[in-house]
């Protein structure tokens, strides 16, 4: 059974990514470990807002939600002010999870 790292780089306010979130939830429900890494404009809903509620709900269902700390810094988002269930992480997490054998999908 494979585990997954899903990378979201798109601004959810500008482009739909609900199908990607649905994929993460379905993978977790099927018993797989799933990390959703927010990078670039994908970190915009990491701040508490209406869009972050979906991410918080996903974390409660078992999806690990990480936000790239460099992307947060570039957009002036304080890592200490992220929405519930979202943690800042270095981009190194991609290499670490690939070494662990996780399948990686980028959106």
PDB file of N, CA and C in Angstrom:
ATOM      1  N   UNK A   1       0.853  -1.171   0.000  1.00  0.00           N
ATOM      2  CA  UNK A   1       0.000   0.000   0.000  1.00  0.00           C
ATOM      3  C   UNK A   1       0.899   1.234   0.000  1.00  0.00           C
ATOM      4  N   UNK A   2       0.707   2.111  -0.933  1.00  0.00           N
ATOM      5  CA  UNK A   2       1.540   3.300  -1.069  1.00  0.00           C
ATOM      6  C   UNK A   2       1.007   4.462  -0.237  1.00  0.00           C
ATOM      7  N   UNK A   3       1.928   5.253   0.243  1.00  0.00           N
ATOM      8  CA  UNK A   3       1.587   6.512   0.901  1.00  0.00           C
ATOM      9  C   UNK A   3       1.906   7.639  -0.073  1.00  0.00           C
ATOM     10  N   UNK A   4       1.323   8.805   0.169  1.00  0.00           N
ATOM     11  CA  UNK A   4       1.393   9.879  -0.830  1.00  0.00           C
ATOM     12  C   UNK A   4       1.823  11.220  -0.233  1.00  0.00           C
ATOM     13  N   UNK A   5       2.533  11.966  -1.053  1.00  0.00           N
ATOM     14  CA  UNK A   5       2.819  13.370  -0.802  1.00  0.00           C
ATOM     15  C   UNK A   5       2.173  14.145  -1.941  1.00  0.00           C
ATOM     16  N   UNK A   6       1.191  14.942  -1.609  1.00  0.00           N
ATOM     17  CA  UNK A   6       0.516  15.782  -2.599  1.00  0.00           C
ATOM     18  C   UNK A   6       1.027  17.211  -2.424  1.00  0.00           C
ATOM     19  N   UNK A   7       1.485  17.809  -3.499  1.00  0.00           N
ATOM     20  CA  UNK A   7       2.019  19.169  -3.453  1.00  0.00           C
ATOM     21  C   UNK A   7       1.048  20.096  -4.170  1.00  0.00           C
ATOM     22  N   UNK A   8       0.605  21.123  -3.434  1.00  0.00           N
ATOM     23  CA  UNK A   8      -0.338  22.098  -4.001  1.00  0.00           C
ATOM     24  C   UNK A   8       0.376  23.441  -4.154  1.00  0.00           C
ATOM     25  N   UNK A   9       0.538  23.899  -5.382  1.00  0.00           N
ATOM     26  CA  UNK A   9       1.233  25.162  -5.622  1.00  0.00           C
ATOM     27  C   UNK A   9       0.304  26.256  -6.148  1.00  0.00           C
ATOM     28  N   UNK A  10      -0.930  25.918  -6.402  1.00  0.00           N
ATOM     29  CA  UNK A  10      -1.843  26.903  -6.999  1.00  0.00           C
ATOM     30  C   UNK A  10      -2.611  27.685  -5.944  1.00  0.00           C
ATOM     31  N   UNK A  11      -2.923  28.906  -6.289  1.00  0.00           N
ATOM     32  CA  UNK A  11      -3.735  29.766  -5.446  1.00  0.00           C
ATOM     33  C   UNK A  11      -5.177  29.260  -5.484  1.00  0.00           C
ATOM     34  N   UNK A  12      -5.722  28.786  -4.367  1.00  0.00           N
ATOM     35  CA  UNK A  12      -7.085  28.246  -4.395  1.00  0.00           C
ATOM     36  C   UNK A  12      -8.145  29.302  -4.659  1.00  0.00           C
ATOM     37  N   UNK A  13      -7.787  30.583  -4.470  1.00  0.00           N
ATOM     38  CA  UNK A  13      -8.735  31.659  -4.724  1.00  0.00           C
ATOM     39  C   UNK A  13      -8.831  31.960  -6.211  1.00  0.00           C
ATOM     40  N   UNK A  14      -7.837  31.483  -6.966  1.00  0.00           N
ATOM     41  CA  UNK A  14      -7.748  31.763  -8.393  1.00  0.00           C
ATOM     42  C   UNK A  14      -8.019  30.522  -9.250  1.00  0.00           C
ATOM     43  N   UNK A  15      -7.763  29.362  -8.694  1.00  0.00           N
ATOM     44  CA  UNK A  15      -7.948  28.123  -9.461  1.00  0.00           C
ATOM     45  C   UNK A  15      -8.536  27.059  -8.545  1.00  0.00           C
ATOM     46  N   UNK A  16      -9.382  26.270  -9.055  1.00  0.00           N
ATOM     47  CA  UNK A  16     -10.020  25.231  -8.264  1.00  0.00           C
ATOM     48  C   UNK A  16      -9.052  24.131  -7.880  1.00  0.00           C
ATOM     49  N   UNK A  17      -9.073  23.757  -6.630  1.00  0.00           N
ATOM     50  CA  UNK A  17      -8.233  22.638  -6.203  1.00  0.00           C
ATOM     51  C   UNK A  17      -9.033  21.701  -5.308  1.00  0.00           C
ATOM     52  N   UNK A  18     -10.367  21.833  -5.351  1.00  0.00           N
ATOM     53  CA  UNK A  18     -11.193  20.986  -4.489  1.00  0.00           C
ATOM     54  C   UNK A  18     -11.060  19.511  -4.848  1.00  0.00           C
ATOM     55  N   UNK A  19     -10.857  19.214  -6.138  1.00  0.00           N
ATOM     56  CA  UNK A  19     -10.692  17.813  -6.514  1.00  0.00           C
ATOM     57  C   UNK A  19      -9.412  17.241  -5.932  1.00  0.00           C
ATOM     58  N   UNK A  20      -8.397  18.075  -5.778  1.00  0.00           N
ATOM     59  CA  UNK A  20      -7.133  17.635  -5.196  1.00  0.00           C
ATOM     60  C   UNK A  20      -7.309  17.345  -3.703  1.00  0.00           C
ATOM     61  N   UNK A  21      -8.068  18.200  -3.031  1.00  0.00           N
ATOM     62  CA  UNK A  21      -8.363  17.978  -1.617  1.00  0.00           C
ATOM     63  C   UNK A  21      -9.198  16.717  -1.448  1.00  0.00           C
ATOM     64  N   UNK A  22     -10.142  16.510  -2.350  1.00  0.00           N
ATOM     65  CA  UNK A  22     -10.981  15.316  -2.285  1.00  0.00           C
ATOM     66  C   UNK A  22     -10.130  14.058  -2.461  1.00  0.00           C
ATOM     67  N   UNK A  23      -9.149  14.123  -3.360  1.00  0.00           N
ATOM     68  CA  UNK A  23      -8.238  12.997  -3.551  1.00  0.00           C
ATOM     69  C   UNK A  23      -7.495  12.683  -2.252  1.00  0.00           C
ATOM     70  N   UNK A  24      -7.000  13.708  -1.574  1.00  0.00           N
ATOM     71  CA  UNK A  24      -6.279  13.505  -0.315  1.00  0.00           C
ATOM     72  C   UNK A  24      -7.178  12.826   0.715  1.00  0.00           C
ATOM     73  N   UNK A  25      -8.404  13.292   0.824  1.00  0.00           N
ATOM     74  CA  UNK A  25      -9.335  12.701   1.794  1.00  0.00           C
ATOM     75  C   UNK A  25      -9.653  11.255   1.449  1.00  0.00           C
ATOM     76  N   UNK A  26      -9.833  10.964   0.176  1.00  0.00           N
ATOM     77  CA  UNK A  26     -10.152   9.591  -0.228  1.00  0.00           C
ATOM     78  C   UNK A  26      -8.979   8.653   0.020  1.00  0.00           C
ATOM     79  N   UNK A  27      -7.761   9.136  -0.208  1.00  0.00           N
ATOM     80  CA  UNK A  27      -6.581   8.305   0.056  1.00  0.00           C
ATOM     81  C   UNK A  27      -6.458   7.988   1.544  1.00  0.00           C
ATOM     82  N   UNK A  28      -6.710   8.984   2.393  1.00  0.00           N
ATOM     83  CA  UNK A  28      -6.645   8.751   3.841  1.00  0.00           C
ATOM     84  C   UNK A  28      -7.727   7.763   4.263  1.00  0.00           C
ATOM     85  N   UNK A  29      -8.924   7.914   3.716  1.00  0.00           N
ATOM     86  CA  UNK A  29     -10.014   7.005   4.071  1.00  0.00           C
ATOM     87  C   UNK A  29      -9.713   5.570   3.654  1.00  0.00           C
ATOM     88  N   UNK A  30      -8.884   5.409   2.613  1.00  0.00           N
ATOM     89  CA  UNK A  30      -8.525   4.063   2.165  1.00  0.00           C
ATOM     90  C   UNK A  30      -7.336   3.496   2.946  1.00  0.00           C
ATOM     91  N   UNK A  31      -6.893   4.221   3.969  1.00  0.00           N
ATOM     92  CA  UNK A  31      -5.859   3.709   4.850  1.00  0.00           C
ATOM     93  C   UNK A  31      -4.438   4.138   4.527  1.00  0.00           C
ATOM     94  N   UNK A  32      -4.274   5.053   3.624  1.00  0.00           N
ATOM     95  CA  UNK A  32      -2.933   5.513   3.253  1.00  0.00           C
ATOM     96  C   UNK A  32      -2.552   6.754   4.052  1.00  0.00           C
ATOM     97  N   UNK A  33      -1.242   6.895   4.275  1.00  0.00           N
ATOM     98  CA  UNK A  33      -0.742   8.132   4.888  1.00  0.00           C
ATOM     99  C   UNK A  33      -0.622   9.174   3.786  1.00  0.00           C
ATOM    100  N   UNK A  34      -1.134  10.371   4.057  1.00  0.00           N
ATOM    101  CA  UNK A  34      -1.119  11.434   3.050  1.00  0.00           C
ATOM    102  C   UNK A  34      -0.639  12.738   3.688  1.00  0.00           C
ATOM    103  N   UNK A  35       0.317  13.360   3.027  1.00  0.00           N
ATOM    104  CA  UNK A  35       0.752  14.701   3.396  1.00  0.00           C
ATOM    105  C   UNK A  35       0.395  15.631   2.255  1.00  0.00           C
ATOM    106  N   UNK A  36      -0.235  16.753   2.570  1.00  0.00           N
ATOM    107  CA  UNK A  36      -0.491  17.808   1.587  1.00  0.00           C
ATOM    108  C   UNK A  36       0.478  18.932   1.900  1.00  0.00           C
ATOM    109  N   UNK A  37       1.417  19.186   0.982  1.00  0.00           N
ATOM    110  CA  UNK A  37       2.397  20.252   1.162  1.00  0.00           C
ATOM    111  C   UNK A  37       1.982  21.448   0.321  1.00  0.00           C
ATOM    112  N   UNK A  38       1.762  22.566   0.978  1.00  0.00           N
ATOM    113  CA  UNK A  38       1.396  23.813   0.305  1.00  0.00           C
ATOM    114  C   UNK A  38       2.678  24.564  -0.025  1.00  0.00           C
ATOM    115  N   UNK A  39       2.862  24.919  -1.287  1.00  0.00           N
ATOM    116  CA  UNK A  39       4.043  25.682  -1.715  1.00  0.00           C
ATOM    117  C   UNK A  39       3.578  26.824  -2.611  1.00  0.00           C
ATOM    118  N   UNK A  40       4.486  27.775  -2.820  1.00  0.00           N
ATOM    119  CA  UNK A  40       4.215  28.934  -3.664  1.00  0.00           C
ATOM    120  C   UNK A  40       2.870  29.565  -3.270  1.00  0.00           C
ATOM    121  N   UNK A  41       1.999  29.894  -4.215  1.00  0.00           N
ATOM    122  CA  UNK A  41       0.710  30.509  -3.864  1.00  0.00           C
ATOM    123  C   UNK A  41      -0.249  29.535  -3.184  1.00  0.00           C
ATOM    124  N   UNK A  42       0.093  28.289  -3.141  1.00  0.00           N
ATOM    125  CA  UNK A  42      -0.721  27.298  -2.429  1.00  0.00           C
ATOM    126  C   UNK A  42      -0.764  27.548  -0.928  1.00  0.00           C
ATOM    127  N   UNK A  43       0.185  28.356  -0.401  1.00  0.00           N
ATOM    128  CA  UNK A  43       0.192  28.645   1.040  1.00  0.00           C
ATOM    129  C   UNK A  43      -0.827  29.721   1.433  1.00  0.00           C
ATOM    130  N   UNK A  44      -1.430  30.397   0.471  1.00  0.00           N
ATOM    131  CA  UNK A  44      -2.325  31.514   0.806  1.00  0.00           C
ATOM    132  C   UNK A  44      -3.477  31.125   1.742  1.00  0.00           C
ATOM    133  N   UNK A  45      -4.081  29.948   1.613  1.00  0.00           N
ATOM    134  CA  UNK A  45      -5.146  29.604   2.571  1.00  0.00           C
ATOM    135  C   UNK A  45      -4.629  29.052   3.894  1.00  0.00           C
ATOM    136  N   UNK A  46      -3.319  29.098   4.107  1.00  0.00           N
ATOM    137  CA  UNK A  46      -2.772  28.606   5.377  1.00  0.00           C
ATOM    138  C   UNK A  46      -3.110  29.544   6.538  1.00  0.00           C
ATOM    139  N   UNK A  47      -3.397  30.803   6.225  1.00  0.00           N
ATOM    140  CA  UNK A  47      -3.839  31.740   7.259  1.00  0.00           C
ATOM    141  C   UNK A  47      -5.297  31.438   7.609  1.00  0.00           C
ATOM    142  N   UNK A  48      -5.686  31.679   8.853  1.00  0.00           N
ATOM    143  CA  UNK A  48      -7.095  31.450   9.202  1.00  0.00           C
ATOM    144  C   UNK A  48      -8.026  32.296   8.316  1.00  0.00           C
ATOM    145  N   UNK A  49      -8.869  31.632   7.561  1.00  0.00           N
ATOM    146  CA  UNK A  49      -9.833  32.283   6.667  1.00  0.00           C
ATOM    147  C   UNK A  49     -10.857  31.234   6.246  1.00  0.00           C
ATOM    148  N   UNK A  50     -11.831  31.622   5.445  1.00  0.00           N
ATOM    149  CA  UNK A  50     -12.838  30.655   4.993  1.00  0.00           C
ATOM    150  C   UNK A  50     -12.193  29.476   4.269  1.00  0.00           C
ATOM    151  N   UNK A  51     -11.205  29.753   3.417  1.00  0.00           N
ATOM    152  CA  UNK A  51     -10.561  28.690   2.647  1.00  0.00           C
ATOM    153  C   UNK A  51      -9.744  27.745   3.528  1.00  0.00           C
ATOM    154  N   UNK A  52      -9.273  28.235   4.678  1.00  0.00           N
ATOM    155  CA  UNK A  52      -8.467  27.363   5.539  1.00  0.00           C
ATOM    156  C   UNK A  52      -9.325  26.339   6.280  1.00  0.00           C
ATOM    157  N   UNK A  53     -10.615  26.575   6.365  1.00  0.00           N
ATOM    158  CA  UNK A  53     -11.478  25.605   7.063  1.00  0.00           C
ATOM    159  C   UNK A  53     -11.423  24.234   6.399  1.00  0.00           C
ATOM    160  N   UNK A  54     -11.368  24.225   5.088  1.00  0.00           N
ATOM    161  CA  UNK A  54     -11.264  22.947   4.374  1.00  0.00           C
ATOM    162  C   UNK A  54      -9.991  22.220   4.776  1.00  0.00           C
ATOM    163  N   UNK A  55      -8.891  22.969   4.869  1.00  0.00           N
ATOM    164  CA  UNK A  55      -7.624  22.354   5.249  1.00  0.00           C
ATOM    165  C   UNK A  55      -7.667  21.852   6.691  1.00  0.00           C
ATOM    166  N   UNK A  56      -8.258  22.638   7.574  1.00  0.00           N
ATOM    167  CA  UNK A  56      -8.390  22.206   8.973  1.00  0.00           C
ATOM    168  C   UNK A  56      -9.226  20.938   9.064  1.00  0.00           C
ATOM    169  N   UNK A  57     -10.325  20.885   8.317  1.00  0.00           N
ATOM    170  CA  UNK A  57     -11.161  19.674   8.302  1.00  0.00           C
ATOM    171  C   UNK A  57     -10.371  18.478   7.780  1.00  0.00           C
ATOM    172  N   UNK A  58      -9.564  18.700   6.733  1.00  0.00           N
ATOM    173  CA  UNK A  58      -8.752  17.607   6.194  1.00  0.00           C
ATOM    174  C   UNK A  58      -7.763  17.101   7.229  1.00  0.00           C
ATOM    175  N   UNK A  59      -7.164  18.008   7.988  1.00  0.00           N
ATOM    176  CA  UNK A  59      -6.192  17.584   9.009  1.00  0.00           C
ATOM    177  C   UNK A  59      -6.881  16.766  10.092  1.00  0.00           C
ATOM    178  N   UNK A  60      -8.112  17.129  10.416  1.00  0.00           N
ATOM    179  CA  UNK A  60      -8.861  16.366  11.423  1.00  0.00           C
ATOM    180  C   UNK A  60      -9.180  14.957  10.931  1.00  0.00           C
ATOM    181  N   UNK A  61      -9.248  14.793   9.614  1.00  0.00           N
ATOM    182  CA  UNK A  61      -9.524  13.471   9.039  1.00  0.00           C
ATOM    183  C   UNK A  61      -8.255  12.630   8.893  1.00  0.00           C
ATOM    184  N   UNK A  62      -7.083  13.265   9.158  1.00  0.00           N
ATOM    185  CA  UNK A  62      -5.847  12.498   9.123  1.00  0.00           C
ATOM    186  C   UNK A  62      -4.844  12.904   8.058  1.00  0.00           C
ATOM    187  N   UNK A  63      -5.178  13.902   7.243  1.00  0.00           N
ATOM    188  CA  UNK A  63      -4.230  14.396   6.246  1.00  0.00           C
ATOM    189  C   UNK A  63      -3.257  15.348   6.961  1.00  0.00           C
ATOM    190  N   UNK A  64      -1.967  15.077   6.814  1.00  0.00           N
ATOM    191  CA  UNK A  64      -0.968  15.986   7.373  1.00  0.00           C
ATOM    192  C   UNK A  64      -0.860  17.181   6.435  1.00  0.00           C
ATOM    193  N   UNK A  65      -1.052  18.384   6.962  1.00  0.00           N
ATOM    194  CA  UNK A  65      -1.004  19.595   6.146  1.00  0.00           C
ATOM    195  C   UNK A  65       0.241  20.391   6.531  1.00  0.00           C
ATOM    196  N   UNK A  66       1.137  20.583   5.577  1.00  0.00           N
ATOM    197  CA  UNK A  66       2.358  21.348   5.801  1.00  0.00           C
ATOM    198  C   UNK A  66       2.384  22.531   4.842  1.00  0.00           C
ATOM    199  N   UNK A  67       3.007  23.623   5.277  1.00  0.00           N
ATOM    200  CA  UNK A  67       3.173  24.803   4.427  1.00  0.00           C
ATOM    201  C   UNK A  67       4.664  25.119   4.348  1.00  0.00           C
ATOM    202  N   UNK A  68       5.167  25.227   3.144  1.00  0.00           N
ATOM    203  CA  UNK A  68       6.588  25.519   2.925  1.00  0.00           C
ATOM    204  C   UNK A  68       6.954  26.842   3.594  1.00  0.00           C
ATOM    205  N   UNK A  69       7.953  26.780   4.476  1.00  0.00           N
ATOM    206  CA  UNK A  69       8.297  27.992   5.234  1.00  0.00           C
ATOM    207  C   UNK A  69       8.850  29.108   4.345  1.00  0.00           C
ATOM    208  N   UNK A  70       9.572  28.785   3.282  1.00  0.00           N
ATOM    209  CA  UNK A  70      10.078  29.820   2.383  1.00  0.00           C
ATOM    210  C   UNK A  70       8.919  30.509   1.648  1.00  0.00           C
ATOM    211  N   UNK A  71       7.938  29.727   1.187  1.00  0.00           N
ATOM    212  CA  UNK A  71       6.774  30.308   0.504  1.00  0.00           C
ATOM    213  C   UNK A  71       5.984  31.212   1.455  1.00  0.00           C
ATOM    214  N   UNK A  72       5.892  30.794   2.729  1.00  0.00           N
ATOM    215  CA  UNK A  72       5.213  31.632   3.726  1.00  0.00           C
ATOM    216  C   UNK A  72       5.952  32.951   3.886  1.00  0.00           C
ATOM    217  N   UNK A  73       7.276  32.859   4.020  1.00  0.00           N
ATOM    218  CA  UNK A  73       8.096  34.062   4.218  1.00  0.00           C
ATOM    219  C   UNK A  73       7.963  35.002   3.027  1.00  0.00           C
ATOM    220  N   UNK A  74       8.009  34.462   1.805  1.00  0.00           N
ATOM    221  CA  UNK A  74       7.925  35.290   0.603  1.00  0.00           C
ATOM    222  C   UNK A  74       6.592  36.013   0.485  1.00  0.00           C
ATOM    223  N   UNK A  75       5.556  35.485   1.115  1.00  0.00           N
ATOM    224  CA  UNK A  75       4.222  36.095   1.052  1.00  0.00           C
ATOM    225  C   UNK A  75       3.843  36.814   2.340  1.00  0.00           C
ATOM    226  N   UNK A  76       4.820  36.978   3.230  1.00  0.00           N
ATOM    227  CA  UNK A  76       4.599  37.728   4.457  1.00  0.00           C
ATOM    228  C   UNK A  76       3.661  37.053   5.436  1.00  0.00           C
ATOM    229  N   UNK A  77       3.606  35.740   5.400  1.00  0.00           N
ATOM    230  CA  UNK A  77       2.726  34.998   6.309  1.00  0.00           C
ATOM    231  C   UNK A  77       3.566  34.477   7.472  1.00  0.00           C
ATOM    232  N   UNK A  78       3.181  34.849   8.680  1.00  0.00           N
ATOM    233  CA  UNK A  78       3.887  34.427   9.889  1.00  0.00           C
ATOM    234  C   UNK A  78       3.593  32.946  10.146  1.00  0.00           C
ATOM    235  N   UNK A  79       4.634  32.100  10.210  1.00  0.00           N
ATOM    236  CA  UNK A  79       4.407  30.672  10.472  1.00  0.00           C
ATOM    237  C   UNK A  79       3.702  30.413  11.804  1.00  0.00           C
ATOM    238  N   UNK A  80       3.783  31.368  12.728  1.00  0.00           N
ATOM    239  CA  UNK A  80       3.115  31.200  14.009  1.00  0.00           C
ATOM    240  C   UNK A  80       1.638  31.522  13.983  1.00  0.00           C
ATOM    241  N   UNK A  81       1.153  32.000  12.848  1.00  0.00           N
ATOM    242  CA  UNK A  81      -0.261  32.389  12.762  1.00  0.00           C
ATOM    243  C   UNK A  81      -1.062  31.511  11.802  1.00  0.00           C
ATOM    244  N   UNK A  82      -0.593  30.300  11.575  1.00  0.00           N
ATOM    245  CA  UNK A  82      -1.285  29.419  10.617  1.00  0.00           C
ATOM    246  C   UNK A  82      -2.581  28.876  11.217  1.00  0.00           C
ATOM    247  N   UNK A  83      -3.479  28.510  10.340  1.00  0.00           N
ATOM    248  CA  UNK A  83      -4.765  27.940  10.771  1.00  0.00           C
ATOM    249  C   UNK A  83      -4.529  26.604  11.482  1.00  0.00           C
ATOM    250  N   UNK A  84      -5.505  26.220  12.271  1.00  0.00           N
ATOM    251  CA  UNK A  84      -5.430  24.960  13.009  1.00  0.00           C
ATOM    252  C   UNK A  84      -5.159  23.792  12.056  1.00  0.00           C
ATOM    253  N   UNK A  85      -4.222  22.947  12.446  1.00  0.00           N
ATOM    254  CA  UNK A  85      -3.934  21.745  11.669  1.00  0.00           C
ATOM    255  C   UNK A  85      -2.892  21.928  10.582  1.00  0.00           C
ATOM    256  N   UNK A  86      -2.361  23.149  10.435  1.00  0.00           N
ATOM    257  CA  UNK A  86      -1.359  23.419   9.404  1.00  0.00           C
ATOM    258  C   UNK A  86      -0.053  23.788  10.089  1.00  0.00           C
ATOM    259  N   UNK A  87       1.031  23.141   9.674  1.00  0.00           N
ATOM    260  CA  UNK A  87       2.337  23.416  10.263  1.00  0.00           C
ATOM    261  C   UNK A  87       3.310  23.857   9.180  1.00  0.00           C
ATOM    262  N   UNK A  88       4.194  24.779   9.522  1.00  0.00           N
ATOM    263  CA  UNK A  88       5.261  25.201   8.612  1.00  0.00           C
ATOM    264  C   UNK A  88       6.313  24.098   8.554  1.00  0.00           C
ATOM    265  N   UNK A  89       6.927  23.944   7.383  1.00  0.00           N
ATOM    266  CA  UNK A  89       7.962  22.922   7.211  1.00  0.00           C
ATOM    267  C   UNK A  89       8.913  23.366   6.104  1.00  0.00           C
ATOM    268  N   UNK A  90      10.159  22.920   6.185  1.00  0.00           N
ATOM    269  CA  UNK A  90      11.092  23.235   5.105  1.00  0.00           C
ATOM    270  C   UNK A  90      10.779  22.383   3.877  1.00  0.00           C
ATOM    271  N   UNK A  91      11.207  22.862   2.734  1.00  0.00           N
ATOM    272  CA  UNK A  91      10.970  22.124   1.490  1.00  0.00           C
ATOM    273  C   UNK A  91      11.685  20.774   1.471  1.00  0.00           C
ATOM    274  N   UNK A  92      12.635  20.604   2.387  1.00  0.00           N
ATOM    275  CA  UNK A  92      13.351  19.326   2.483  1.00  0.00           C
ATOM    276  C   UNK A  92      12.411  18.146   2.699  1.00  0.00           C
ATOM    277  N   UNK A  93      11.224  18.423   3.200  1.00  0.00           N
ATOM    278  CA  UNK A  93      10.265  17.345   3.465  1.00  0.00           C
ATOM    279  C   UNK A  93       9.953  16.547   2.191  1.00  0.00           C
ATOM    280  N   UNK A  94      10.078  17.187   1.044  1.00  0.00           N
ATOM    281  CA  UNK A  94       9.824  16.486  -0.224  1.00  0.00           C
ATOM    282  C   UNK A  94      10.850  15.365  -0.407  1.00  0.00           C
ATOM    283  N   UNK A  95      12.124  15.703  -0.215  1.00  0.00           N
ATOM    284  CA  UNK A  95      13.183  14.698  -0.362  1.00  0.00           C
ATOM    285  C   UNK A  95      13.020  13.601   0.680  1.00  0.00           C
ATOM    286  N   UNK A  96      12.754  13.998   1.920  1.00  0.00           N
ATOM    287  CA  UNK A  96      12.599  13.021   3.004  1.00  0.00           C
ATOM    288  C   UNK A  96      11.485  12.024   2.694  1.00  0.00           C
ATOM    289  N   UNK A  97      10.368  12.529   2.208  1.00  0.00           N
ATOM    290  CA  UNK A  97       9.243  11.624   1.948  1.00  0.00           C
ATOM    291  C   UNK A  97       9.468  10.791   0.689  1.00  0.00           C
ATOM    292  N   UNK A  98      10.194  11.342  -0.287  1.00  0.00           N
ATOM    293  CA  UNK A  98      10.529  10.541  -1.469  1.00  0.00           C
ATOM    294  C   UNK A  98      11.448   9.390  -1.085  1.00  0.00           C
ATOM    295  N   UNK A  99      12.397   9.647  -0.193  1.00  0.00           N
ATOM    296  CA  UNK A  99      13.305   8.599   0.287  1.00  0.00           C
ATOM    297  C   UNK A  99      12.518   7.506   1.007  1.00  0.00           C
ATOM    298  N   UNK A 100      11.441   7.899   1.682  1.00  0.00           N
ATOM    299  CA  UNK A 100      10.591   6.934   2.383  1.00  0.00           C
ATOM    300  C   UNK A 100       9.719   6.120   1.426  1.00  0.00           C
ATOM    301  N   UNK A 101       9.746   6.489   0.144  1.00  0.00           N
ATOM    302  CA  UNK A 101       8.986   5.736  -0.845  1.00  0.00           C
ATOM    303  C   UNK A 101       7.599   6.272  -1.140  1.00  0.00           C
ATOM    304  N   UNK A 102       7.325   7.460  -0.672  1.00  0.00           N
ATOM    305  CA  UNK A 102       6.003   8.034  -0.953  1.00  0.00           C
ATOM    306  C   UNK A 102       5.867   8.395  -2.428  1.00  0.00           C
ATOM    307  N   UNK A 103       4.688   8.211  -2.935  1.00  0.00           N
ATOM    308  CA  UNK A 103       4.393   8.670  -4.289  1.00  0.00           C
ATOM    309  C   UNK A 103       4.092  10.163  -4.213  1.00  0.00           C
ATOM    310  N   UNK A 104       4.601  10.910  -5.187  1.00  0.00           N
ATOM    311  CA  UNK A 104       4.476  12.366  -5.169  1.00  0.00           C
ATOM    312  C   UNK A 104       3.629  12.816  -6.351  1.00  0.00           C
ATOM    313  N   UNK A 105       2.622  13.628  -6.050  1.00  0.00           N
ATOM    314  CA  UNK A 105       1.777  14.237  -7.080  1.00  0.00           C
ATOM    315  C   UNK A 105       1.842  15.738  -6.907  1.00  0.00           C
ATOM    316  N   UNK A 106       1.981  16.478  -8.008  1.00  0.00           N
ATOM    317  CA  UNK A 106       2.102  17.945  -7.952  1.00  0.00           C
ATOM    318  C   UNK A 106       0.948  18.568  -8.717  1.00  0.00           C
ATOM    319  N   UNK A 107       0.302  19.521  -8.066  1.00  0.00           N
ATOM    320  CA  UNK A 107      -0.807  20.242  -8.712  1.00  0.00           C
ATOM    321  C   UNK A 107      -0.540  21.710  -8.659  1.00  0.00           C
TER     322      UNK A 107
END
